C-alpha atoms as a PDB file:
ATOM      1  CA  UNK A   1     123.161  92.205 112.584  1.00  0.00           C
ATOM      2  CA  UNK A   2     119.452  90.426 111.979  1.00  0.00           C
ATOM      3  CA  UNK A   3     116.109  91.969 111.468  1.00  0.00           C
ATOM      4  CA  UNK A   4     115.214  91.817 115.075  1.00  0.00           C
ATOM      5  CA  UNK A   5     118.378  93.484 116.360  1.00  0.00           C
ATOM      6  CA  UNK A   6     117.515  96.427 113.570  1.00  0.00           C
ATOM      7  CA  UNK A   7     113.925  96.914 115.413  1.00  0.00           C
ATOM      8  CA  UNK A   8     115.737  96.925 118.459  1.00  0.00           C
ATOM      9  CA  UNK A   9     118.677  99.435 117.279  1.00  0.00           C
ATOM     10  CA  UNK A  10     116.092 102.412 116.239  1.00  0.00           C
ATOM     11  CA  UNK A  11     113.836 101.564 118.839  1.00  0.00           C
ATOM     12  CA  UNK A  12     116.685 102.955 121.939  1.00  0.00           C
ATOM     13  CA  UNK A  13     117.645 105.573 119.328  1.00  0.00           C
ATOM     14  CA  UNK A  14     113.750 107.202 119.437  1.00  0.00           C
ATOM     15  CA  UNK A  15     112.315 106.080 122.776  1.00  0.00           C
ATOM     16  CA  UNK A  16     109.134 108.016 122.176  1.00  0.00           C
ATOM     17  CA  UNK A  17     107.896 105.164 119.652  1.00  0.00           C
ATOM     18  CA  UNK A  18     106.117 101.431 121.065  1.00  0.00           C
ATOM     19  CA  UNK A  19     108.388  99.075 119.912  1.00  0.00           C
ATOM     20  CA  UNK A  20     105.804  96.368 118.401  1.00  0.00           C
ATOM     21  CA  UNK A  21     105.831 100.454 116.470  1.00  0.00           C
ATOM     22  CA  UNK A  22     109.146 100.867 115.328  1.00  0.00           C
ATOM     23  CA  UNK A  23     108.928  96.697 114.115  1.00  0.00           C
ATOM     24  CA  UNK A  24     106.245  97.469 111.660  1.00  0.00           C
ATOM     25  CA  UNK A  25     107.486 100.160 110.281  1.00  0.00           C
ATOM     26  CA  UNK A  26     110.376  97.860 109.291  1.00  0.00           C
ATOM     27  CA  UNK A  27     108.242  95.403 108.157  1.00  0.00           C
ATOM     28  CA  UNK A  28     106.049  98.190 106.271  1.00  0.00           C
ATOM     29  CA  UNK A  29     109.387  98.993 105.217  1.00  0.00           C
ATOM     30  CA  UNK A  30     110.814  95.892 103.899  1.00  0.00           C
ATOM     31  CA  UNK A  31     107.330  94.103 102.683  1.00  0.00           C
ATOM     32  CA  UNK A  32     107.732  97.821 100.301  1.00  0.00           C
ATOM     33  CA  UNK A  33     110.948  96.515  98.488  1.00  0.00           C
ATOM     34  CA  UNK A  34     109.739  92.639  98.427  1.00  0.00           C
ATOM     35  CA  UNK A  35     106.959  94.208  96.916  1.00  0.00           C
ATOM     36  CA  UNK A  36     108.489  96.602  94.180  1.00  0.00           C
ATOM     37  CA  UNK A  37     110.994  93.951  93.416  1.00  0.00           C
ATOM     38  CA  UNK A  38     108.497  91.310  92.711  1.00  0.00           C
ATOM     39  CA  UNK A  39     106.980  93.621  89.779  1.00  0.00           C
ATOM     40  CA  UNK A  40     109.870  94.158  88.662  1.00  0.00           C
ATOM     41  CA  UNK A  41     110.614  97.476  89.776  1.00  0.00           C
ATOM     42  CA  UNK A  42     114.401  99.340  90.861  1.00  0.00           C
ATOM     43  CA  UNK A  43     114.495 100.411  94.668  1.00  0.00           C
ATOM     44  CA  UNK A  44     117.082 103.130  95.328  1.00  0.00           C
ATOM     45  CA  UNK A  45     117.641 104.528  98.633  1.00  0.00           C
ATOM     46  CA  UNK A  46     119.853 108.021  98.364  1.00  0.00           C
ATOM     47  CA  UNK A  47     123.080 107.297  99.924  1.00  0.00           C
ATOM     48  CA  UNK A  48     122.588 103.614 100.381  1.00  0.00           C
ATOM     49  CA  UNK A  49     121.842 101.654  97.485  1.00  0.00           C
ATOM     50  CA  UNK A  50     119.870 100.359  95.275  1.00  0.00           C
ATOM     51  CA  UNK A  51     117.616  97.408  94.718  1.00  0.00           C
ATOM     52  CA  UNK A  52     116.910  96.175  91.387  1.00  0.00           C
ATOM     53  CA  UNK A  53     116.249  92.379  89.523  1.00  0.00           C
ATOM     54  CA  UNK A  54     118.060  90.351  87.817  1.00  0.00           C
ATOM     55  CA  UNK A  55     117.089  87.816  84.624  1.00  0.00           C
ATOM     56  CA  UNK A  56     119.355  84.197  85.013  1.00  0.00           C
ATOM     57  CA  UNK A  57     119.014  82.222  81.798  1.00  0.00           C
ATOM     58  CA  UNK A  58     118.105  78.806  81.582  1.00  0.00           C
ATOM     59  CA  UNK A  59     120.953  76.473  81.496  1.00  0.00           C
ATOM     60  CA  UNK A  60     122.862  73.102  81.640  1.00  0.00           C
ATOM     61  CA  UNK A  61     124.629  72.512  85.205  1.00  0.00           C
ATOM     62  CA  UNK A  62     126.274  69.390  86.920  1.00  0.00           C
ATOM     63  CA  UNK A  63     125.794  67.300  90.091  1.00  0.00           C
ATOM     64  CA  UNK A  64     128.967  68.114  92.178  1.00  0.00           C
ATOM     65  CA  UNK A  65     127.979  64.321  93.852  1.00  0.00           C
ATOM     66  CA  UNK A  66     127.162  63.179  90.662  1.00  0.00           C
ATOM     67  CA  UNK A  67     129.176  64.305  88.413  1.00  0.00           C
ATOM     68  CA  UNK A  68     125.400  64.403  86.309  1.00  0.00           C
ATOM     69  CA  UNK A  69     124.179  67.385  84.524  1.00  0.00           C
ATOM     70  CA  UNK A  70     121.451  69.100  85.673  1.00  0.00           C
ATOM     71  CA  UNK A  71     119.154  72.080  83.786  1.00  0.00           C
ATOM     72  CA  UNK A  72     118.619  74.650  85.545  1.00  0.00           C
ATOM     73  CA  UNK A  73     115.516  76.600  85.073  1.00  0.00           C
ATOM     74  CA  UNK A  74     115.484  80.341  84.378  1.00  0.00           C
ATOM     75  CA  UNK A  75     114.883  82.258  86.874  1.00  0.00           C
ATOM     76  CA  UNK A  76     114.596  85.793  88.753  1.00  0.00           C
ATOM     77  CA  UNK A  77     117.342  87.295  91.190  1.00  0.00           C
ATOM     78  CA  UNK A  78     117.560  90.841  93.839  1.00  0.00           C
ATOM     79  CA  UNK A  79     120.941  92.918  93.079  1.00  0.00           C
ATOM     80  CA  UNK A  80     122.121  94.922  95.782  1.00  0.00           C
ATOM     81  CA  UNK A  81     124.514  97.925  94.084  1.00  0.00           C
ATOM     82  CA  UNK A  82     126.455  99.992  97.078  1.00  0.00           C
ATOM     83  CA  UNK A  83     125.619 103.893  96.745  1.00  0.00           C
ATOM     84  CA  UNK A  84     128.693 106.064  96.517  1.00  0.00           C
ATOM     85  CA  UNK A  85     128.362 107.061  99.801  1.00  0.00           C
ATOM     86  CA  UNK A  86     128.111 104.146 101.480  1.00  0.00           C
ATOM     87  CA  UNK A  87     130.956 102.591  99.200  1.00  0.00           C
ATOM     88  CA  UNK A  88     132.885 105.512 100.692  1.00  0.00           C
ATOM     89  CA  UNK A  89     131.744 104.593 104.091  1.00  0.00           C
ATOM     90  CA  UNK A  90     132.745 100.974 103.771  1.00  0.00           C
ATOM     91  CA  UNK A  91     136.273 102.110 102.342  1.00  0.00           C
ATOM     92  CA  UNK A  92     137.812 104.525 104.608  1.00  0.00           C
ATOM     93  CA  UNK A  93     140.756 103.801 106.510  1.00  0.00           C
ATOM     94  CA  UNK A  94     140.801 101.448 109.712  1.00  0.00           C
ATOM     95  CA  UNK A  95     142.664 104.057 111.611  1.00  0.00           C
ATOM     96  CA  UNK A  96     139.773 107.009 110.720  1.00  0.00           C
ATOM     97  CA  UNK A  97     137.642 103.954 112.102  1.00  0.00           C
ATOM     98  CA  UNK A  98     139.473 103.145 114.859  1.00  0.00           C
ATOM     99  CA  UNK A  99     139.379 106.875 115.601  1.00  0.00           C
ATOM    100  CA  UNK A 100     135.631 107.574 115.353  1.00  0.00           C
ATOM    101  CA  UNK A 101     135.068 104.590 117.074  1.00  0.00           C
ATOM    102  CA  UNK A 102     137.325 105.861 120.540  1.00  0.00           C
ATOM    103  CA  UNK A 103     134.925 108.758 120.318  1.00  0.00           C
END
């Protein structure tokens, strides 16, 4: 699902809201999460998961095309860990998912 599909889905579920307002809300949420991560903060959404940042140390890599050694600088990367409820939802048996989808 891409952001525009998310906006459409939320707008369909909330017909009393204009699509442009839903888009502004989604953008505000995502921008707030990104700003928090840029500050090094952790963002936890109960039942969904937690976003955090992890520092990767500088290292020596290899150019796969030439085999030449390349130095890779240290960097900060975003990390997402699913919450307990999300893991349970993702790991329900396929029979349960098919039964729920048919109703």
